Amino acid sequence: MSTVQQELGITNGLRTVAPGQRYSKVVKFIDEVAKQAANDAPTSVEIFSHSGHWYCRVRRGDEKTRPMGPYTKQQAERIQEARRLSIAKSGTSRIIFE
């Protein structure tokens, strides 16, 4: 075997495989697209009343989360504000929409 073949890791026409990386380029690309797409759609955090109970829900475009609650109106307003701050800080990429 020649020195060039040894440097390239070629033995009888076969190359050695590089050690696996933690994430492939495809996974990194998909993660980036998901983050950008999640932050492009308008997002709102809404509270609403149903049968005297208050609920909080996140809406992004046509998608929405399951209602969280029941709460009192004051609790729902506090949760609404906390969710708004969380979305402003980290986006909606980790929120599960139905």
C-alpha atoms as a PDB file:
ATOM      1  CA  MET A   1       0.000   0.000   0.000  1.00  0.00           C
ATOM      2  CA  SER A   2       1.358   3.397  -0.948  1.00  0.00           C
ATOM      3  CA  THR A   3       1.779   6.320   1.423  1.00  0.00           C
ATOM      4  CA  VAL A   4      -1.002   8.244  -0.323  1.00  0.00           C
ATOM      5  CA  GLN A   5      -3.388   5.343   0.206  1.00  0.00           C
ATOM      6  CA  GLN A   6      -2.443   5.212   3.883  1.00  0.00           C
ATOM      7  CA  GLU A   7      -3.014   8.963   4.306  1.00  0.00           C
ATOM      8  CA  LEU A   8      -6.433   8.764   2.674  1.00  0.00           C
ATOM      9  CA  GLY A   9      -7.375   5.639   4.611  1.00  0.00           C
ATOM     10  CA  ILE A  10      -7.935   3.568   1.476  1.00  0.00           C
ATOM     11  CA  THR A  11      -7.417  -0.172   1.649  1.00  0.00           C
ATOM     12  CA  ASN A  12      -8.049  -2.237  -1.433  1.00  0.00           C
ATOM     13  CA  GLY A  13     -10.534   0.292  -2.804  1.00  0.00           C
ATOM     14  CA  LEU A  14     -12.439   0.772   0.476  1.00  0.00           C
ATOM     15  CA  ARG A  15     -12.398   3.993   2.471  1.00  0.00           C
ATOM     16  CA  THR A  16     -12.681   4.082   6.212  1.00  0.00           C
ATOM     17  CA  VAL A  17     -15.811   5.706   7.520  1.00  0.00           C
ATOM     18  CA  ALA A  18     -15.496   8.894   9.515  1.00  0.00           C
ATOM     19  CA  PRO A  19     -16.776   8.699  13.092  1.00  0.00           C
ATOM     20  CA  GLY A  20     -20.454   9.606  13.472  1.00  0.00           C
ATOM     21  CA  GLN A  21     -21.355  13.126  14.393  1.00  0.00           C
ATOM     22  CA  ARG A  22     -23.984  14.049  16.917  1.00  0.00           C
ATOM     23  CA  TYR A  23     -26.315  15.707  14.386  1.00  0.00           C
ATOM     24  CA  SER A  24     -26.321  15.513  10.632  1.00  0.00           C
ATOM     25  CA  LYS A  25     -26.520  18.606   8.432  1.00  0.00           C
ATOM     26  CA  VAL A  26     -30.090  17.632   7.481  1.00  0.00           C
ATOM     27  CA  VAL A  27     -31.225  17.628  11.117  1.00  0.00           C
ATOM     28  CA  LYS A  28     -29.551  20.983  11.738  1.00  0.00           C
ATOM     29  CA  PHE A  29     -31.196  22.396   8.594  1.00  0.00           C
ATOM     30  CA  ILE A  30     -34.639  21.113   9.621  1.00  0.00           C
ATOM     31  CA  ASP A  31     -34.222  22.614  13.100  1.00  0.00           C
ATOM     32  CA  GLU A  32     -33.314  25.998  11.611  1.00  0.00           C
ATOM     33  CA  VAL A  33     -36.273  25.939   9.201  1.00  0.00           C
ATOM     34  CA  ALA A  34     -38.635  25.013  12.050  1.00  0.00           C
ATOM     35  CA  LYS A  35     -37.365  27.897  14.177  1.00  0.00           C
ATOM     36  CA  GLN A  36     -37.737  30.406  11.343  1.00  0.00           C
ATOM     37  CA  ALA A  37     -41.167  29.165  10.260  1.00  0.00           C
ATOM     38  CA  ALA A  38     -42.417  29.150  13.838  1.00  0.00           C
ATOM     39  CA  ASN A  39     -41.426  32.755  14.324  1.00  0.00           C
ATOM     40  CA  ASP A  40     -42.830  33.985  10.977  1.00  0.00           C
ATOM     41  CA  ALA A  41     -46.513  33.308  11.698  1.00  0.00           C
ATOM     42  CA  PRO A  42     -48.318  35.845  13.906  1.00  0.00           C
ATOM     43  CA  THR A  43     -48.763  34.476  17.415  1.00  0.00           C
ATOM     44  CA  SER A  44     -51.249  35.517  20.066  1.00  0.00           C
ATOM     45  CA  VAL A  45     -52.029  34.350  23.573  1.00  0.00           C
ATOM     46  CA  GLU A  46     -55.717  34.563  24.291  1.00  0.00           C
ATOM     47  CA  ILE A  47     -57.889  33.978  27.313  1.00  0.00           C
ATOM     48  CA  PHE A  48     -61.554  33.083  27.110  1.00  0.00           C
ATOM     49  CA  SER A  49     -64.411  32.081  29.354  1.00  0.00           C
ATOM     50  CA  HIS A  50     -66.495  28.934  28.990  1.00  0.00           C
ATOM     51  CA  SER A  51     -69.221  28.023  31.488  1.00  0.00           C
ATOM     52  CA  GLY A  52     -67.835  30.442  34.060  1.00  0.00           C
ATOM     53  CA  HIS A  53     -64.269  29.064  33.869  1.00  0.00           C
ATOM     54  CA  TRP A  54     -61.346  30.888  32.262  1.00  0.00           C
ATOM     55  CA  TYR A  55     -58.881  29.250  29.886  1.00  0.00           C
ATOM     56  CA  CYS A  56     -55.677  30.317  28.148  1.00  0.00           C
ATOM     57  CA  ARG A  57     -54.595  29.251  24.643  1.00  0.00           C
ATOM     58  CA  VAL A  58     -51.781  30.117  22.227  1.00  0.00           C
ATOM     59  CA  ARG A  59     -52.718  30.697  18.588  1.00  0.00           C
ATOM     60  CA  ARG A  60     -50.263  30.824  15.661  1.00  0.00           C
ATOM     61  CA  GLY A  61     -51.949  31.469  12.335  1.00  0.00           C
ATOM     62  CA  ASP A  62     -54.628  28.766  11.997  1.00  0.00           C
ATOM     63  CA  GLU A  63     -53.038  26.527  14.622  1.00  0.00           C
ATOM     64  CA  LYS A  64     -53.871  26.611  18.300  1.00  0.00           C
ATOM     65  CA  THR A  65     -52.911  24.774  21.464  1.00  0.00           C
ATOM     66  CA  ARG A  66     -55.295  22.918  23.716  1.00  0.00           C
ATOM     67  CA  PRO A  67     -56.879  25.250  26.270  1.00  0.00           C
ATOM     68  CA  MET A  68     -55.020  25.439  29.575  1.00  0.00           C
ATOM     69  CA  GLY A  69     -57.180  25.770  32.642  1.00  0.00           C
ATOM     70  CA  PRO A  70     -59.693  26.180  34.193  1.00  0.00           C
ATOM     71  CA  TYR A  71     -58.488  29.270  36.022  1.00  0.00           C
ATOM     72  CA  THR A  72     -59.949  32.318  37.665  1.00  0.00           C
ATOM     73  CA  LYS A  73     -59.897  35.385  35.438  1.00  0.00           C
ATOM     74  CA  GLN A  74     -56.941  36.849  37.350  1.00  0.00           C
ATOM     75  CA  GLN A  75     -54.932  33.606  37.053  1.00  0.00           C
ATOM     76  CA  ALA A  76     -55.695  33.405  33.317  1.00  0.00           C
ATOM     77  CA  GLU A  77     -54.469  36.980  32.830  1.00  0.00           C
ATOM     78  CA  ARG A  78     -51.218  36.228  34.688  1.00  0.00           C
ATOM     79  CA  ILE A  79     -50.645  33.067  32.646  1.00  0.00           C
ATOM     80  CA  GLN A  80     -51.413  34.977  29.449  1.00  0.00           C
ATOM     81  CA  GLU A  81     -48.727  37.551  30.281  1.00  0.00           C
ATOM     82  CA  ALA A  82     -46.198  34.877  31.264  1.00  0.00           C
ATOM     83  CA  ARG A  83     -46.798  33.002  27.990  1.00  0.00           C
ATOM     84  CA  ARG A  84     -46.394  36.223  25.985  1.00  0.00           C
ATOM     85  CA  LEU A  85     -43.057  36.912  27.652  1.00  0.00           C
ATOM     86  CA  SER A  86     -41.914  33.331  27.072  1.00  0.00           C
ATOM     87  CA  ILE A  87     -42.855  33.471  23.371  1.00  0.00           C
ATOM     88  CA  ALA A  88     -41.150  36.847  22.957  1.00  0.00           C
ATOM     89  CA  LYS A  89     -37.999  35.405  24.513  1.00  0.00           C
ATOM     90  CA  SER A  90     -37.763  31.985  22.840  1.00  0.00           C
ATOM     91  CA  GLY A  91     -40.362  31.858  20.039  1.00  0.00           C
ATOM     92  CA  THR A  92     -42.968  29.165  19.457  1.00  0.00           C
ATOM     93  CA  SER A  93     -40.754  26.332  18.200  1.00  0.00           C
ATOM     94  CA  ARG A  94     -41.302  24.273  21.373  1.00  0.00           C
ATOM     95  CA  ILE A  95     -45.045  24.803  21.679  1.00  0.00           C
ATOM     96  CA  ILE A  96     -47.217  21.896  20.582  1.00  0.00           C
ATOM     97  CA  PHE A  97     -50.098  22.949  18.371  1.00  0.00           C
ATOM     98  CA  GLU A  98     -53.047  20.733  17.500  1.00  0.00           C
END
